[in-house]
Protein backbone atom coordinates (compact mmCIF):
# COMPACT_ATOMS: atom_id res chain seq x y z
CA UNK A 1 -49.11 -51.86 5.75
CA UNK A 2 -45.80 -49.82 3.86
CA UNK A 3 -45.15 -48.65 7.30
CA UNK A 4 -44.92 -52.96 8.91
CA UNK A 5 -43.08 -54.00 5.41
CA UNK A 6 -40.87 -51.26 5.93
CA UNK A 7 -40.12 -51.71 9.06
CA UNK A 8 -40.44 -55.90 8.94
CA UNK A 9 -37.63 -55.29 6.12
CA UNK A 10 -35.58 -53.40 7.49
CA UNK A 11 -35.58 -56.31 10.98
CA UNK A 12 -34.63 -58.93 8.11
CA UNK A 13 -31.20 -56.56 6.30
CA UNK A 14 -30.51 -56.37 10.15
CA UNK A 15 -30.64 -60.17 10.92
CA UNK A 16 -28.76 -60.40 7.68
CA UNK A 17 -25.83 -58.50 7.81
CA UNK A 18 -25.50 -59.83 12.16
CA UNK A 19 -25.73 -63.40 10.81
CA UNK A 20 -22.94 -62.21 7.76
CA UNK A 21 -21.10 -60.86 10.84
CA UNK A 22 -21.11 -63.80 12.94
CA UNK A 23 -19.82 -66.63 10.67
CA UNK A 24 -16.78 -63.98 9.65
CA UNK A 25 -16.12 -64.20 13.60
CA UNK A 26 -16.76 -60.32 13.39
CA UNK A 27 -16.79 -58.27 16.89
CA UNK A 28 -16.99 -55.16 15.46
CA UNK A 29 -19.74 -53.49 12.67
CA UNK A 30 -18.42 -49.52 10.93
CA UNK A 31 -20.97 -48.34 8.89
CA UNK A 32 -20.75 -44.45 6.73
CA UNK A 33 -22.14 -41.71 9.18
CA UNK A 34 -24.46 -40.35 6.25
CA UNK A 35 -26.19 -38.43 9.45
CA UNK A 36 -25.16 -34.70 7.14
CA UNK A 37 -26.34 -35.86 3.89
CA UNK A 38 -29.56 -33.80 2.73
CA UNK A 39 -32.69 -34.87 0.04
CA UNK A 40 -31.95 -33.90 -3.27
CA UNK A 41 -33.19 -30.60 -4.36
CA UNK A 42 -36.71 -30.13 -5.88
CA UNK A 43 -37.62 -33.48 -3.18
CA UNK A 44 -37.75 -31.88 0.09
CA UNK A 45 -41.07 -33.47 1.54
CA UNK A 46 -41.24 -37.10 0.62
CA UNK A 47 -36.83 -37.34 0.46
CA UNK A 48 -35.87 -35.90 3.97
CA UNK A 49 -39.00 -38.25 5.28
CA UNK A 50 -37.55 -41.59 3.80
CA UNK A 51 -33.30 -41.09 3.80
CA UNK A 52 -34.04 -40.09 8.04
CA UNK A 53 -35.70 -42.90 8.32
CA UNK A 54 -34.12 -45.42 6.75
CA UNK A 55 -30.69 -43.80 8.13
CA UNK A 56 -31.93 -43.30 11.66
CA UNK A 57 -33.59 -46.56 11.83
CA UNK A 58 -30.71 -49.02 10.49
CA UNK A 59 -28.88 -47.77 12.87
CA UNK A 60 -30.31 -47.53 16.35
CA UNK A 61 -32.00 -51.93 14.95
CA UNK A 62 -28.67 -52.99 14.04
CA UNK A 63 -27.22 -51.32 16.85
CA UNK A 64 -29.88 -53.22 19.31
CA UNK A 65 -28.91 -56.18 17.68
CA UNK A 66 -25.46 -56.73 17.48
CA UNK A 67 -24.67 -55.74 21.32
CA UNK A 68 -27.63 -58.76 21.82
CA UNK A 69 -25.01 -61.01 20.40
CA UNK A 70 -21.60 -59.00 21.20
CA UNK A 71 -20.59 -56.79 18.13
CA UNK A 72 -20.08 -53.05 18.09
CA UNK A 73 -21.15 -51.18 15.88
CA UNK A 74 -19.80 -47.41 14.90
CA UNK A 75 -19.78 -44.64 12.24
CA UNK A 76 -16.80 -42.73 10.69
CA UNK A 77 -17.35 -39.73 8.09
CA UNK A 78 -17.17 -41.24 4.77
CA UNK A 79 -15.98 -38.42 2.64
CA UNK A 80 -13.95 -39.80 -0.23
CA UNK A 81 -13.54 -43.38 1.15
CA UNK A 82 -14.56 -44.71 -2.58
CA UNK A 83 -11.79 -41.99 -4.26
CA UNK A 84 -8.27 -43.47 -3.16
CA UNK A 85 -7.02 -46.78 -3.76
CA UNK A 86 -6.94 -49.23 -1.33
CA UNK A 87 -3.79 -50.15 -2.46
CA UNK A 88 -1.59 -47.43 -2.47
CA UNK A 89 -3.67 -44.65 -1.17
CA UNK A 90 -3.69 -42.57 -4.20
CA UNK A 91 -6.66 -40.89 -5.92
CA UNK A 92 -8.10 -42.38 -8.69
CA UNK A 93 -10.60 -42.22 -12.24
CA UNK A 94 -14.14 -43.35 -11.44
CA UNK A 95 -14.79 -45.62 -14.88
CA UNK A 96 -17.91 -46.98 -15.94
CA UNK A 97 -16.26 -50.84 -17.04
CA UNK A 98 -13.33 -53.04 -15.40
CA UNK A 99 -12.11 -53.24 -18.42
CA UNK A 100 -11.31 -49.42 -19.60
CA UNK A 101 -9.56 -46.50 -18.59
CA UNK A 102 -11.04 -44.10 -19.84
CA UNK A 103 -12.32 -41.51 -16.70
CA UNK A 104 -16.37 -40.93 -16.71
CA UNK A 105 -18.40 -38.59 -13.47
CA UNK A 106 -20.43 -40.80 -13.69
CA UNK A 107 -19.59 -43.66 -13.61
CA UNK A 108 -18.93 -46.97 -10.86
CA UNK A 109 -15.90 -48.69 -10.92
CA UNK A 110 -12.76 -47.66 -10.07
CA UNK A 111 -9.41 -47.40 -11.44
CA UNK A 112 -5.91 -46.12 -9.84
CA UNK A 113 -3.17 -44.87 -12.20
CA UNK A 114 -0.59 -45.34 -10.10
CA UNK A 115 -0.81 -49.36 -9.27
CA UNK A 116 -3.66 -49.59 -12.36
CA UNK A 117 -6.11 -51.50 -9.34
CA UNK A 118 -9.63 -51.75 -11.27
CA UNK A 119 -12.78 -52.43 -8.24
CA UNK A 120 -16.59 -51.38 -7.93
CA UNK A 121 -16.23 -48.39 -6.24
CA UNK A 122 -18.14 -49.95 -3.37
CA UNK A 123 -16.08 -52.31 -2.41
CA UNK A 124 -13.23 -49.84 -2.59
CA UNK A 125 -15.65 -47.60 -0.57
CA UNK A 126 -15.89 -50.19 2.03
CA UNK A 127 -12.36 -51.10 2.29
CA UNK A 128 -11.82 -46.90 2.76
CA UNK A 129 -14.43 -46.95 5.47
CA UNK A 130 -12.77 -49.80 7.52
CA UNK A 131 -9.21 -47.82 7.30
CA UNK A 132 -11.35 -44.44 8.70
CA UNK A 133 -12.33 -46.42 11.91
CA UNK A 134 -8.44 -46.96 12.13
CA UNK A 135 -7.19 -43.95 11.59
CA UNK A 136 -10.62 -41.92 13.61
CA UNK A 137 -9.11 -43.99 16.71
CA UNK A 138 -5.11 -42.81 16.34
CA UNK A 139 -7.68 -39.59 15.80
CA UNK A 140 -5.82 -38.38 12.69
CA UNK A 141 -9.29 -38.07 10.79
CA UNK A 142 -7.75 -38.14 7.23
CA UNK A 143 -8.45 -40.84 4.45
CA UNK A 144 -5.19 -40.05 3.03
CA UNK A 145 -2.87 -40.63 6.56
CA UNK A 146 -4.90 -43.61 6.30
CA UNK A 147 -2.66 -46.23 6.14
CA UNK A 148 -3.42 -48.35 2.48
CA UNK A 149 -3.27 -52.77 2.46
CA UNK A 150 -1.01 -54.63 1.05
CA UNK A 151 -3.18 -56.52 -0.41
CA UNK A 152 -6.86 -57.63 0.16
CA UNK A 153 -7.34 -61.22 -0.21
CA UNK A 154 -11.08 -63.41 -1.52
CA UNK A 155 -12.36 -65.77 0.76
CA UNK A 156 -15.72 -67.85 1.47
CA UNK A 157 -16.88 -67.68 4.34
CA UNK A 158 -16.55 -70.66 6.71
CA UNK A 159 -20.00 -71.76 6.89
CA UNK A 160 -22.83 -70.68 4.88
CA UNK A 161 -25.75 -71.49 6.00
CA UNK A 162 -26.71 -68.06 6.86
CA UNK A 163 -28.50 -68.07 3.16
CA UNK A 164 -31.08 -70.77 5.04
CA UNK A 165 -31.41 -69.20 8.91
CA UNK A 166 -31.02 -64.74 8.40
CA UNK A 167 -34.33 -63.96 9.89
CA UNK A 168 -34.12 -66.00 12.48
CA UNK A 169 -30.62 -66.16 14.03
CA UNK A 170 -31.07 -62.43 16.04
CA UNK A 171 -33.41 -61.18 17.47
């Protein structure tokens, strides 16, 4: 029963990603390549089973479903992607809240001391993962060599109907 639920959630998540990509007109999905990461220490058996299942299955199912609608899926090395500013390229600080500038190793937010840019570290990583993909195409695999983006605009998707139809939009 648990495996059936995991499989169903995996397919629903992939359908959601594909539907969102279609709404935004994306032709490419760039994912973190998490194959190099191992399980946490002292929890090897369960952790390894869970992490390997999720990583491998998500990529395989997403690649299969994306190919059905003409979207390419690729992976890049995520090393350092949440540590560098996407606007100026300088290594920033981890902070606990967007309103502070005090460094905290467990902080969930990013602060750039050079350009005063603050954002969630997951958002920073997503932007930098795409920058890494652009550099990977040029055969330079370093985030430091990746060109920063001058401005990241925010927009809403053209149509939000994917929220209602994500489970049936992709086979």
